[in-house]
Amino acid sequence: TFGFAVISSVNYNDLGLGCHGQFRSRGSLGINFGEKMQRSLQLDATHSSCGSMSCKNDGYNTIGAAFGIAF
């Protein structure tokens, strides 16, 4: 996926993100399993950056995992 976000601070930990507007791209890979395929396991990787709209453009990456159960 690809999207746009507005953040409250241009600083994140020791990163200077440049401006409040950030582009965000995300890739996911997952599987559904179990009886009636009601459970899911997913890995996500994201990258956020101001897309060079500012001279300071550290950007940041995240990696995560999710487990879900459908009712």
C-alpha atoms as a PDB file:
ATOM      1  CA  THR A   1       0.000   0.000   0.000  1.00  0.00           C
ATOM      2  CA  PHE A   2       0.988   3.626  -0.355  1.00  0.00           C
ATOM      3  CA  GLY A   3      -0.427   6.584   1.518  1.00  0.00           C
ATOM      4  CA  PHE A   4       0.126   9.998   3.060  1.00  0.00           C
ATOM      5  CA  ALA A   5       0.084  10.948   6.753  1.00  0.00           C
ATOM      6  CA  VAL A   6       0.379  14.141   8.786  1.00  0.00           C
ATOM      7  CA  ILE A   7       2.441  13.752  11.957  1.00  0.00           C
ATOM      8  CA  SER A   8       2.478  16.011  15.023  1.00  0.00           C
ATOM      9  CA  SER A   9       6.271  16.295  15.373  1.00  0.00           C
ATOM     10  CA  VAL A  10       9.044  16.511  12.784  1.00  0.00           C
ATOM     11  CA  ASN A  11      11.396  14.681  15.182  1.00  0.00           C
ATOM     12  CA  TYR A  12      11.158  10.955  15.932  1.00  0.00           C
ATOM     13  CA  ASN A  13      13.722   9.711  18.473  1.00  0.00           C
ATOM     14  CA  ASP A  14      17.006  10.919  16.931  1.00  0.00           C
ATOM     15  CA  LEU A  15      15.616  11.269  13.375  1.00  0.00           C
ATOM     16  CA  GLY A  16      14.791  14.578  11.726  1.00  0.00           C
ATOM     17  CA  LEU A  17      11.833  13.856   9.445  1.00  0.00           C
ATOM     18  CA  GLY A  18      11.884  17.261   7.750  1.00  0.00           C
ATOM     19  CA  CYS A  19       8.191  18.204   7.695  1.00  0.00           C
ATOM     20  CA  HIS A  20       4.798  17.175   9.055  1.00  0.00           C
ATOM     21  CA  GLY A  21       3.677  15.511   5.807  1.00  0.00           C
ATOM     22  CA  GLN A  22       4.996  11.963   5.369  1.00  0.00           C
ATOM     23  CA  PHE A  23       4.584   9.423   2.585  1.00  0.00           C
ATOM     24  CA  ARG A  24       4.193   5.846   3.815  1.00  0.00           C
ATOM     25  CA  SER A  25       4.651   2.631   1.873  1.00  0.00           C
ATOM     26  CA  ARG A  26       3.832  -0.775   3.303  1.00  0.00           C
ATOM     27  CA  GLY A  27       4.334  -4.339   2.203  1.00  0.00           C
ATOM     28  CA  SER A  28       2.701  -7.337   3.879  1.00  0.00           C
ATOM     29  CA  LEU A  29       2.950 -11.091   3.586  1.00  0.00           C
ATOM     30  CA  GLY A  30       0.665 -13.462   5.431  1.00  0.00           C
ATOM     31  CA  ILE A  31      -1.301 -16.673   5.564  1.00  0.00           C
ATOM     32  CA  ASN A  32      -4.751 -17.747   6.731  1.00  0.00           C
ATOM     33  CA  PHE A  33      -5.032 -21.113   8.450  1.00  0.00           C
ATOM     34  CA  GLY A  34      -7.066 -23.201  10.862  1.00  0.00           C
ATOM     35  CA  GLU A  35     -10.626 -24.450  10.717  1.00  0.00           C
ATOM     36  CA  LYS A  36     -12.532 -22.348   8.138  1.00  0.00           C
ATOM     37  CA  MET A  37      -9.348 -20.254   7.651  1.00  0.00           C
ATOM     38  CA  GLN A  38     -10.295 -18.075  10.653  1.00  0.00           C
ATOM     39  CA  ARG A  39      -6.751 -17.393  11.856  1.00  0.00           C
ATOM     40  CA  SER A  40      -4.117 -15.278  10.176  1.00  0.00           C
ATOM     41  CA  LEU A  41      -0.427 -14.565  10.625  1.00  0.00           C
ATOM     42  CA  GLN A  42       1.069 -11.543   8.870  1.00  0.00           C
ATOM     43  CA  LEU A  43       4.471  -9.818   8.578  1.00  0.00           C
ATOM     44  CA  ASP A  44       4.586  -6.097   7.718  1.00  0.00           C
ATOM     45  CA  ALA A  45       7.398  -3.790   6.590  1.00  0.00           C
ATOM     46  CA  THR A  46       6.852  -0.028   6.281  1.00  0.00           C
ATOM     47  CA  HIS A  47       8.886   2.974   5.207  1.00  0.00           C
ATOM     48  CA  SER A  48       7.946   6.575   6.017  1.00  0.00           C
ATOM     49  CA  SER A  49       9.632   9.604   4.476  1.00  0.00           C
ATOM     50  CA  CYS A  50       8.818  13.188   3.514  1.00  0.00           C
ATOM     51  CA  GLY A  51       9.798  12.360  -0.073  1.00  0.00           C
ATOM     52  CA  SER A  52      12.444  15.110  -0.240  1.00  0.00           C
ATOM     53  CA  MET A  53       9.816  17.846   0.346  1.00  0.00           C
ATOM     54  CA  SER A  54      12.343  19.177   2.869  1.00  0.00           C
ATOM     55  CA  CYS A  55      16.141  19.291   2.904  1.00  0.00           C
ATOM     56  CA  LYS A  56      16.157  17.064   6.033  1.00  0.00           C
ATOM     57  CA  ASN A  57      14.801  13.625   5.107  1.00  0.00           C
ATOM     58  CA  ASP A  58      15.933  10.842   7.452  1.00  0.00           C
ATOM     59  CA  GLY A  59      12.830   8.675   7.005  1.00  0.00           C
ATOM     60  CA  TYR A  60      12.299   5.548   9.077  1.00  0.00           C
ATOM     61  CA  ASN A  61      11.484   1.863   8.655  1.00  0.00           C
ATOM     62  CA  THR A  62       9.447  -0.498  10.810  1.00  0.00           C
ATOM     63  CA  ILE A  63       8.973  -4.266  10.796  1.00  0.00           C
ATOM     64  CA  GLY A  64       6.102  -5.950  12.618  1.00  0.00           C
ATOM     65  CA  ALA A  65       4.020  -9.082  12.961  1.00  0.00           C
ATOM     66  CA  ALA A  66       0.294  -9.567  13.534  1.00  0.00           C
ATOM     67  CA  PHE A  67      -1.897 -12.486  14.524  1.00  0.00           C
ATOM     68  CA  GLY A  68      -5.649 -12.361  13.960  1.00  0.00           C
ATOM     69  CA  ILE A  69      -8.738 -14.431  14.731  1.00  0.00           C
ATOM     70  CA  ALA A  70     -12.005 -13.961  12.824  1.00  0.00           C
ATOM     71  CA  PHE A  71     -15.229 -14.503  14.766  1.00  0.00           C
END
